[in-house]
Amino acid sequence: TAKKSTTTAKKDDLKKIEGNGPKIAQILQDKGIKTFEDLSKAKVTALRKILTEAGPRYKMHQPGTWPKQAKLAAKGDWDKLSKLQDELKGGK
């Protein structure tokens, strides 16, 4: 049986990242990006490749700010994250 990491899943809700919905969060998790820390360390080029491989409806998403947002989330700096997200439109 596989171990379930419910603590991580609840704590690191990748949908909190602007431009990242439930389907993209699942795609990232399937590729091993399961936590804010994982996402904060991901290269934008690797994220673009993951989205491109996921199909045409995901290719249009722009992950350029996702690592920066995830870094703030990983630190628990929700105020700064909220301020950054207020300036973004769809993660751009």
PDB file of N, CA and C in Angstrom:
ATOM      1  N   THR A   1       0.832  -1.201   0.000  1.00  0.00           N
ATOM      2  CA  THR A   1       0.000   0.000   0.000  1.00  0.00           C
ATOM      3  C   THR A   1       0.867   1.251   0.000  1.00  0.00           C
ATOM      4  N   ALA A   2       0.391   2.255  -0.676  1.00  0.00           N
ATOM      5  CA  ALA A   2       1.133   3.522  -0.741  1.00  0.00           C
ATOM      6  C   ALA A   2       0.827   4.360   0.491  1.00  0.00           C
ATOM      7  N   LYS A   3       1.840   5.048   0.954  1.00  0.00           N
ATOM      8  CA  LYS A   3       1.635   5.940   2.098  1.00  0.00           C
ATOM      9  C   LYS A   3       0.948   7.208   1.623  1.00  0.00           C
ATOM     10  N   LYS A   4       0.012   7.672   2.420  1.00  0.00           N
ATOM     11  CA  LYS A   4      -0.654   8.931   2.103  1.00  0.00           C
ATOM     12  C   LYS A   4      -0.075  10.011   2.998  1.00  0.00           C
ATOM     13  N   SER A   5       0.246  11.121   2.394  1.00  0.00           N
ATOM     14  CA  SER A   5       0.791  12.239   3.156  1.00  0.00           C
ATOM     15  C   SER A   5      -0.288  13.312   3.265  1.00  0.00           C
ATOM     16  N   THR A   6      -1.258  13.073   4.110  1.00  0.00           N
ATOM     17  CA  THR A   6      -2.377  14.008   4.218  1.00  0.00           C
ATOM     18  C   THR A   6      -1.938  15.345   4.791  1.00  0.00           C
ATOM     19  N   THR A   7      -0.944  15.355   5.644  1.00  0.00           N
ATOM     20  CA  THR A   7      -0.470  16.609   6.218  1.00  0.00           C
ATOM     21  C   THR A   7       0.055  17.525   5.120  1.00  0.00           C
ATOM     22  N   THR A   8       0.911  16.990   4.263  1.00  0.00           N
ATOM     23  CA  THR A   8       1.470  17.779   3.177  1.00  0.00           C
ATOM     24  C   THR A   8       0.370  18.220   2.223  1.00  0.00           C
ATOM     25  N   ALA A   9      -0.532  17.325   1.887  1.00  0.00           N
ATOM     26  CA  ALA A   9      -1.588  17.654   0.937  1.00  0.00           C
ATOM     27  C   ALA A   9      -2.448  18.806   1.445  1.00  0.00           C
ATOM     28  N   LYS A  10      -2.759  18.814   2.730  1.00  0.00           N
ATOM     29  CA  LYS A  10      -3.579  19.895   3.281  1.00  0.00           C
ATOM     30  C   LYS A  10      -2.777  21.180   3.419  1.00  0.00           C
ATOM     31  N   LYS A  11      -1.547  21.070   3.886  1.00  0.00           N
ATOM     32  CA  LYS A  11      -0.721  22.249   4.132  1.00  0.00           C
ATOM     33  C   LYS A  11      -0.327  22.928   2.822  1.00  0.00           C
ATOM     34  N   ASP A  12       0.123  22.155   1.858  1.00  0.00           N
ATOM     35  CA  ASP A  12       0.624  22.709   0.609  1.00  0.00           C
ATOM     36  C   ASP A  12      -0.403  22.518  -0.501  1.00  0.00           C
ATOM     37  N   ASP A  13      -1.382  23.389  -0.508  1.00  0.00           N
ATOM     38  CA  ASP A  13      -2.431  23.351  -1.523  1.00  0.00           C
ATOM     39  C   ASP A  13      -1.938  24.162  -2.716  1.00  0.00           C
ATOM     40  N   LEU A  14      -1.459  23.469  -3.734  1.00  0.00           N
ATOM     41  CA  LEU A  14      -0.873  24.146  -4.886  1.00  0.00           C
ATOM     42  C   LEU A  14      -1.871  25.037  -5.617  1.00  0.00           C
ATOM     43  N   LYS A  15      -3.168  24.850  -5.349  1.00  0.00           N
ATOM     44  CA  LYS A  15      -4.178  25.700  -5.968  1.00  0.00           C
ATOM     45  C   LYS A  15      -4.131  27.124  -5.408  1.00  0.00           C
ATOM     46  N   LYS A  16      -3.412  27.324  -4.321  1.00  0.00           N
ATOM     47  CA  LYS A  16      -3.270  28.673  -3.754  1.00  0.00           C
ATOM     48  C   LYS A  16      -2.348  29.547  -4.604  1.00  0.00           C
ATOM     49  N   ILE A  17      -1.652  28.928  -5.544  1.00  0.00           N
ATOM     50  CA  ILE A  17      -0.759  29.664  -6.436  1.00  0.00           C
ATOM     51  C   ILE A  17      -1.594  30.226  -7.589  1.00  0.00           C
ATOM     52  N   GLU A  18      -1.519  31.545  -7.778  1.00  0.00           N
ATOM     53  CA  GLU A  18      -2.275  32.214  -8.848  1.00  0.00           C
ATOM     54  C   GLU A  18      -1.925  31.607 -10.201  1.00  0.00           C
ATOM     55  N   GLY A  19      -2.961  31.264 -10.978  1.00  0.00           N
ATOM     56  CA  GLY A  19      -2.769  30.657 -12.290  1.00  0.00           C
ATOM     57  C   GLY A  19      -2.732  29.140 -12.246  1.00  0.00           C
ATOM     58  N   ASN A  20      -3.010  28.571 -11.092  1.00  0.00           N
ATOM     59  CA  ASN A  20      -2.883  27.133 -10.885  1.00  0.00           C
ATOM     60  C   ASN A  20      -4.194  26.596 -10.313  1.00  0.00           C
ATOM     61  N   GLY A  21      -4.951  25.866 -11.118  1.00  0.00           N
ATOM     62  CA  GLY A  21      -6.217  25.299 -10.661  1.00  0.00           C
ATOM     63  C   GLY A  21      -6.069  23.845 -10.279  1.00  0.00           C
ATOM     64  N   PRO A  22      -7.192  23.194  -9.988  1.00  0.00           N
ATOM     65  CA  PRO A  22      -7.157  21.793  -9.532  1.00  0.00           C
ATOM     66  C   PRO A  22      -6.490  20.837 -10.525  1.00  0.00           C
ATOM     67  N   LYS A  23      -6.751  21.014 -11.812  1.00  0.00           N
ATOM     68  CA  LYS A  23      -6.173  20.081 -12.796  1.00  0.00           C
ATOM     69  C   LYS A  23      -4.667  20.279 -12.921  1.00  0.00           C
ATOM     70  N   ILE A  24      -4.233  21.536 -12.929  1.00  0.00           N
ATOM     71  CA  ILE A  24      -2.791  21.789 -13.020  1.00  0.00           C
ATOM     72  C   ILE A  24      -2.103  21.318 -11.743  1.00  0.00           C
ATOM     73  N   ALA A  25      -2.720  21.550 -10.598  1.00  0.00           N
ATOM     74  CA  ALA A  25      -2.143  21.076  -9.335  1.00  0.00           C
ATOM     75  C   ALA A  25      -1.948  19.560  -9.397  1.00  0.00           C
ATOM     76  N   GLN A  26      -2.919  18.843  -9.945  1.00  0.00           N
ATOM     77  CA  GLN A  26      -2.817  17.385 -10.057  1.00  0.00           C
ATOM     78  C   GLN A  26      -1.707  16.989 -11.026  1.00  0.00           C
ATOM     79  N   ILE A  27      -1.615  17.696 -12.139  1.00  0.00           N
ATOM     80  CA  ILE A  27      -0.556  17.414 -13.122  1.00  0.00           C
ATOM     81  C   ILE A  27       0.820  17.596 -12.472  1.00  0.00           C
ATOM     82  N   LEU A  28       0.983  18.685 -11.729  1.00  0.00           N
ATOM     83  CA  LEU A  28       2.263  18.940 -11.054  1.00  0.00           C
ATOM     84  C   LEU A  28       2.566  17.842 -10.036  1.00  0.00           C
ATOM     85  N   GLN A  29       1.549  17.447  -9.263  1.00  0.00           N
ATOM     86  CA  GLN A  29       1.741  16.397  -8.266  1.00  0.00           C
ATOM     87  C   GLN A  29       2.131  15.088  -8.931  1.00  0.00           C
ATOM     88  N   ASP A  30       1.514  14.791 -10.067  1.00  0.00           N
ATOM     89  CA  ASP A  30       1.839  13.567 -10.804  1.00  0.00           C
ATOM     90  C   ASP A  30       3.284  13.584 -11.295  1.00  0.00           C
ATOM     91  N   LYS A  31       3.843  14.776 -11.479  1.00  0.00           N
ATOM     92  CA  LYS A  31       5.230  14.924 -11.936  1.00  0.00           C
ATOM     93  C   LYS A  31       6.199  15.091 -10.768  1.00  0.00           C
ATOM     94  N   GLY A  32       5.702  14.918  -9.533  1.00  0.00           N
ATOM     95  CA  GLY A  32       6.574  14.946  -8.364  1.00  0.00           C
ATOM     96  C   GLY A  32       6.674  16.295  -7.673  1.00  0.00           C
ATOM     97  N   ILE A  33       5.923  17.284  -8.155  1.00  0.00           N
ATOM     98  CA  ILE A  33       5.927  18.607  -7.520  1.00  0.00           C
ATOM     99  C   ILE A  33       4.715  18.632  -6.597  1.00  0.00           C
ATOM    100  N   LYS A  34       4.960  18.265  -5.337  1.00  0.00           N
ATOM    101  CA  LYS A  34       3.855  18.054  -4.401  1.00  0.00           C
ATOM    102  C   LYS A  34       3.737  19.128  -3.333  1.00  0.00           C
ATOM    103  N   THR A  35       4.805  19.891  -3.110  1.00  0.00           N
ATOM    104  CA  THR A  35       4.785  20.877  -2.035  1.00  0.00           C
ATOM    105  C   THR A  35       5.147  22.256  -2.583  1.00  0.00           C
ATOM    106  N   PHE A  36       4.886  23.281  -1.772  1.00  0.00           N
ATOM    107  CA  PHE A  36       5.297  24.631  -2.159  1.00  0.00           C
ATOM    108  C   PHE A  36       6.812  24.669  -2.358  1.00  0.00           C
ATOM    109  N   GLU A  37       7.546  23.963  -1.499  1.00  0.00           N
ATOM    110  CA  GLU A  37       9.001  23.947  -1.626  1.00  0.00           C
ATOM    111  C   GLU A  37       9.422  23.329  -2.948  1.00  0.00           C
ATOM    112  N   ASP A  38       8.773  22.210  -3.335  1.00  0.00           N
ATOM    113  CA  ASP A  38       9.078  21.584  -4.635  1.00  0.00           C
ATOM    114  C   ASP A  38       8.858  22.593  -5.762  1.00  0.00           C
ATOM    115  N   LEU A  39       7.726  23.281  -5.713  1.00  0.00           N
ATOM    116  CA  LEU A  39       7.380  24.234  -6.764  1.00  0.00           C
ATOM    117  C   LEU A  39       8.327  25.429  -6.749  1.00  0.00           C
ATOM    118  N   SER A  40       8.735  25.851  -5.564  1.00  0.00           N
ATOM    119  CA  SER A  40       9.642  27.007  -5.472  1.00  0.00           C
ATOM    120  C   SER A  40      10.998  26.718  -6.094  1.00  0.00           C
ATOM    121  N   LYS A  41      11.379  25.447  -6.127  1.00  0.00           N
ATOM    122  CA  LYS A  41      12.681  25.054  -6.680  1.00  0.00           C
ATOM    123  C   LYS A  41      12.596  24.644  -8.152  1.00  0.00           C
ATOM    124  N   ALA A  42      11.385  24.564  -8.670  1.00  0.00           N
ATOM    125  CA  ALA A  42      11.204  24.130 -10.059  1.00  0.00           C
ATOM    126  C   ALA A  42      11.645  25.224 -11.028  1.00  0.00           C
ATOM    127  N   LYS A  43      12.248  24.816 -12.103  1.00  0.00           N
ATOM    128  CA  LYS A  43      12.651  25.746 -13.159  1.00  0.00           C
ATOM    129  C   LYS A  43      11.419  26.052 -14.019  1.00  0.00           C
ATOM    130  N   VAL A  44      11.291  27.304 -14.414  1.00  0.00           N
ATOM    131  CA  VAL A  44      10.154  27.717 -15.235  1.00  0.00           C
ATOM    132  C   VAL A  44      10.122  26.918 -16.537  1.00  0.00           C
ATOM    133  N   THR A  45      11.289  26.646 -17.122  1.00  0.00           N
ATOM    134  CA  THR A  45      11.328  25.866 -18.366  1.00  0.00           C
ATOM    135  C   THR A  45      10.780  24.455 -18.142  1.00  0.00           C
ATOM    136  N   ALA A  46      11.077  23.871 -16.985  1.00  0.00           N
ATOM    137  CA  ALA A  46      10.559  22.532 -16.672  1.00  0.00           C
ATOM    138  C   ALA A  46       9.041  22.584 -16.482  1.00  0.00           C
ATOM    139  N   LEU A  47       8.558  23.651 -15.840  1.00  0.00           N
ATOM    140  CA  LEU A  47       7.110  23.792 -15.651  1.00  0.00           C
ATOM    141  C   LEU A  47       6.406  23.957 -16.995  1.00  0.00           C
ATOM    142  N   ARG A  48       6.994  24.745 -17.887  1.00  0.00           N
ATOM    143  CA  ARG A  48       6.407  24.925 -19.228  1.00  0.00           C
ATOM    144  C   ARG A  48       6.351  23.595 -19.970  1.00  0.00           C
ATOM    145  N   LYS A  49       7.409  22.793 -19.826  1.00  0.00           N
ATOM    146  CA  LYS A  49       7.465  21.483 -20.496  1.00  0.00           C
ATOM    147  C   LYS A  49       6.351  20.574 -19.955  1.00  0.00           C
ATOM    148  N   ILE A  50       6.163  20.581 -18.639  1.00  0.00           N
ATOM    149  CA  ILE A  50       5.107  19.770 -18.025  1.00  0.00           C
ATOM    150  C   ILE A  50       3.744  20.187 -18.579  1.00  0.00           C
ATOM    151  N   LEU A  51       3.508  21.491 -18.665  1.00  0.00           N
ATOM    152  CA  LEU A  51       2.224  21.996 -19.174  1.00  0.00           C
ATOM    153  C   LEU A  51       2.043  21.650 -20.649  1.00  0.00           C
ATOM    154  N   THR A  52       3.095  21.766 -21.431  1.00  0.00           N
ATOM    155  CA  THR A  52       3.030  21.439 -22.855  1.00  0.00           C
ATOM    156  C   THR A  52       2.706  19.959 -23.042  1.00  0.00           C
ATOM    157  N   GLU A  53       3.367  19.113 -22.261  1.00  0.00           N
ATOM    158  CA  GLU A  53       3.130  17.666 -22.349  1.00  0.00           C
ATOM    159  C   GLU A  53       1.718  17.302 -21.909  1.00  0.00           C
ATOM    160  N   ALA A  54       1.117  18.133 -21.051  1.00  0.00           N
ATOM    161  CA  ALA A  54      -0.228  17.848 -20.546  1.00  0.00           C
ATOM    162  C   ALA A  54      -1.297  18.109 -21.602  1.00  0.00           C
ATOM    163  N   GLY A  55      -0.942  18.842 -22.635  1.00  0.00           N
ATOM    164  CA  GLY A  55      -1.886  19.063 -23.719  1.00  0.00           C
ATOM    165  C   GLY A  55      -2.127  20.534 -24.016  1.00  0.00           C
ATOM    166  N   PRO A  56      -2.800  20.791 -25.146  1.00  0.00           N
ATOM    167  CA  PRO A  56      -2.977  22.162 -25.621  1.00  0.00           C
ATOM    168  C   PRO A  56      -3.724  23.083 -24.650  1.00  0.00           C
ATOM    169  N   ARG A  57      -4.644  22.543 -23.881  1.00  0.00           N
ATOM    170  CA  ARG A  57      -5.407  23.426 -22.981  1.00  0.00           C
ATOM    171  C   ARG A  57      -4.569  23.906 -21.792  1.00  0.00           C
ATOM    172  N   TYR A  58      -3.426  23.277 -21.545  1.00  0.00           N
ATOM    173  CA  TYR A  58      -2.559  23.682 -20.432  1.00  0.00           C
ATOM    174  C   TYR A  58      -1.360  24.503 -20.914  1.00  0.00           C
ATOM    175  N   LYS A  59      -1.036  24.369 -22.198  1.00  0.00           N
ATOM    176  CA  LYS A  59       0.131  25.033 -22.763  1.00  0.00           C
ATOM    177  C   LYS A  59       0.037  26.557 -22.636  1.00  0.00           C
ATOM    178  N   MET A  60      -1.174  27.088 -22.639  1.00  0.00           N
ATOM    179  CA  MET A  60      -1.359  28.546 -22.595  1.00  0.00           C
ATOM    180  C   MET A  60      -1.042  29.154 -21.226  1.00  0.00           C
ATOM    181  N   HIS A  61      -0.993  28.352 -20.193  1.00  0.00           N
ATOM    182  CA  HIS A  61      -0.726  28.860 -18.845  1.00  0.00           C
ATOM    183  C   HIS A  61       0.719  29.316 -18.723  1.00  0.00           C
ATOM    184  N   GLN A  62       0.923  30.370 -17.970  1.00  0.00           N
ATOM    185  CA  GLN A  62       2.249  30.960 -17.814  1.00  0.00           C
ATOM    186  C   GLN A  62       2.759  30.738 -16.390  1.00  0.00           C
ATOM    187  N   PRO A  63       3.690  29.810 -16.202  1.00  0.00           N
ATOM    188  CA  PRO A  63       4.176  29.488 -14.859  1.00  0.00           C
ATOM    189  C   PRO A  63       5.327  30.379 -14.372  1.00  0.00           C
ATOM    190  N   GLY A  64       5.591  31.477 -15.056  1.00  0.00           N
ATOM    191  CA  GLY A  64       6.744  32.308 -14.744  1.00  0.00           C
ATOM    192  C   GLY A  64       6.857  32.758 -13.294  1.00  0.00           C
ATOM    193  N   THR A  65       5.717  33.010 -12.633  1.00  0.00           N
ATOM    194  CA  THR A  65       5.760  33.486 -11.245  1.00  0.00           C
ATOM    195  C   THR A  65       5.497  32.381 -10.228  1.00  0.00           C
ATOM    196  N   TRP A  66       5.192  31.185 -10.685  1.00  0.00           N
ATOM    197  CA  TRP A  66       4.824  30.109  -9.753  1.00  0.00           C
ATOM    198  C   TRP A  66       5.911  29.806  -8.734  1.00  0.00           C
ATOM    199  N   PRO A  67       7.187  29.681  -9.146  1.00  0.00           N
ATOM    200  CA  PRO A  67       8.217  29.412  -8.135  1.00  0.00           C
ATOM    201  C   PRO A  67       8.320  30.529  -7.085  1.00  0.00           C
ATOM    202  N   LYS A  68       8.223  31.780  -7.528  1.00  0.00           N
ATOM    203  CA  LYS A  68       8.299  32.909  -6.590  1.00  0.00           C
ATOM    204  C   LYS A  68       7.114  32.876  -5.622  1.00  0.00           C
ATOM    205  N   GLN A  69       5.909  32.621  -6.161  1.00  0.00           N
ATOM    206  CA  GLN A  69       4.728  32.528  -5.304  1.00  0.00           C
ATOM    207  C   GLN A  69       4.880  31.377  -4.307  1.00  0.00           C
ATOM    208  N   ALA A  70       5.362  30.240  -4.798  1.00  0.00           N
ATOM    209  CA  ALA A  70       5.504  29.052  -3.954  1.00  0.00           C
ATOM    210  C   ALA A  70       6.535  29.278  -2.859  1.00  0.00           C
ATOM    211  N   LYS A  71       7.575  30.055  -3.158  1.00  0.00           N
ATOM    212  CA  LYS A  71       8.596  30.352  -2.160  1.00  0.00           C
ATOM    213  C   LYS A  71       7.976  31.133  -1.003  1.00  0.00           C
ATOM    214  N   LEU A  72       7.137  32.115  -1.321  1.00  0.00           N
ATOM    215  CA  LEU A  72       6.443  32.880  -0.280  1.00  0.00           C
ATOM    216  C   LEU A  72       5.504  31.977   0.513  1.00  0.00           C
ATOM    217  N   ALA A  73       4.774  31.105  -0.193  1.00  0.00           N
ATOM    218  CA  ALA A  73       3.835  30.191   0.467  1.00  0.00           C
ATOM    219  C   ALA A  73       4.583  29.220   1.387  1.00  0.00           C
ATOM    220  N   ALA A  74       5.730  28.726   0.916  1.00  0.00           N
ATOM    221  CA  ALA A  74       6.517  27.784   1.715  1.00  0.00           C
ATOM    222  C   ALA A  74       6.992  28.435   3.013  1.00  0.00           C
ATOM    223  N   LYS A  75       7.270  29.736   2.956  1.00  0.00           N
ATOM    224  CA  LYS A  75       7.705  30.471   4.145  1.00  0.00           C
ATOM    225  C   LYS A  75       6.518  30.873   5.023  1.00  0.00           C
ATOM    226  N   GLY A  76       5.302  30.691   4.494  1.00  0.00           N
ATOM    227  CA  GLY A  76       4.115  31.100   5.242  1.00  0.00           C
ATOM    228  C   GLY A  76       3.902  32.607   5.194  1.00  0.00           C
ATOM    229  N   ASP A  77       4.499  33.261   4.200  1.00  0.00           N
ATOM    230  CA  ASP A  77       4.385  34.712   4.063  1.00  0.00           C
ATOM    231  C   ASP A  77       3.152  35.037   3.215  1.00  0.00           C
ATOM    232  N   TRP A  78       1.981  34.781   3.788  1.00  0.00           N
ATOM    233  CA  TRP A  78       0.720  34.906   3.052  1.00  0.00           C
ATOM    234  C   TRP A  78       0.403  36.347   2.679  1.00  0.00           C
ATOM    235  N   ASP A  79       0.829  37.321   3.491  1.00  0.00           N
ATOM    236  CA  ASP A  79       0.571  38.725   3.174  1.00  0.00           C
ATOM    237  C   ASP A  79       1.309  39.134   1.901  1.00  0.00           C
ATOM    238  N   LYS A  80       2.597  38.779   1.821  1.00  0.00           N
ATOM    239  CA  LYS A  80       3.369  39.115   0.623  1.00  0.00           C
ATOM    240  C   LYS A  80       2.832  38.368  -0.587  1.00  0.00           C
ATOM    241  N   LEU A  81       2.441  37.109  -0.387  1.00  0.00           N
ATOM    242  CA  LEU A  81       1.891  36.323  -1.487  1.00  0.00           C
ATOM    243  C   LEU A  81       0.610  36.968  -1.990  1.00  0.00           C
ATOM    244  N   SER A  82      -0.256  37.366  -1.077  1.00  0.00           N
ATOM    245  CA  SER A  82      -1.514  38.005  -1.452  1.00  0.00           C
ATOM    246  C   SER A  82      -1.260  39.298  -2.223  1.00  0.00           C
ATOM    247  N   LYS A  83      -0.295  40.081  -1.768  1.00  0.00           N
ATOM    248  CA  LYS A  83       0.038  41.340  -2.445  1.00  0.00           C
ATOM    249  C   LYS A  83       0.553  41.059  -3.855  1.00  0.00           C
ATOM    250  N   LEU A  84       1.431  40.066  -3.989  1.00  0.00           N
ATOM    251  CA  LEU A  84       1.949  39.691  -5.297  1.00  0.00           C
ATOM    252  C   LEU A  84       0.811  39.229  -6.210  1.00  0.00           C
ATOM    253  N   GLN A  85      -0.066  38.387  -5.675  1.00  0.00           N
ATOM    254  CA  GLN A  85      -1.162  37.865  -6.485  1.00  0.00           C
ATOM    255  C   GLN A  85      -2.133  38.949  -6.926  1.00  0.00           C
ATOM    256  N   ASP A  86      -2.286  39.985  -6.103  1.00  0.00           N
ATOM    257  CA  ASP A  86      -3.153  41.109  -6.473  1.00  0.00           C
ATOM    258  C   ASP A  86      -2.621  41.809  -7.726  1.00  0.00           C
ATOM    259  N   GLU A  87      -1.299  41.739  -7.928  1.00  0.00           N
ATOM    260  CA  GLU A  87      -0.677  42.377  -9.081  1.00  0.00           C
ATOM    261  C   GLU A  87      -0.685  41.487 -10.316  1.00  0.00           C
ATOM    262  N   LEU A  88      -0.975  40.210 -10.128  1.00  0.00           N
ATOM    263  CA  LEU A  88      -0.909  39.247 -11.233  1.00  0.00           C
ATOM    264  C   LEU A  88      -2.270  39.082 -11.897  1.00  0.00           C
ATOM    265  N   LYS A  89      -2.227  38.590 -13.108  1.00  0.00           N
ATOM    266  CA  LYS A  89      -3.453  38.234 -13.815  1.00  0.00           C
ATOM    267  C   LYS A  89      -3.230  36.853 -14.406  1.00  0.00           C
ATOM    268  N   GLY A  90      -3.834  35.844 -13.819  1.00  0.00           N
ATOM    269  CA  GLY A  90      -3.677  34.472 -14.298  1.00  0.00           C
ATOM    270  C   GLY A  90      -2.280  33.921 -14.130  1.00  0.00           C
ATOM    271  N   GLY A  91      -1.564  34.392 -13.100  1.00  0.00           N
ATOM    272  CA  GLY A  91      -0.228  33.877 -12.833  1.00  0.00           C
ATOM    273  C   GLY A  91       0.871  34.589 -13.609  1.00  0.00           C
ATOM    274  N   LYS A  92       0.496  35.633 -14.378  1.00  0.00           N
ATOM    275  CA  LYS A  92       1.504  36.352 -15.181  1.00  0.00           C
ATOM    276  C   LYS A  92       1.912  37.630 -14.497  1.00  0.00           C
TER     277      LYS A  92
END
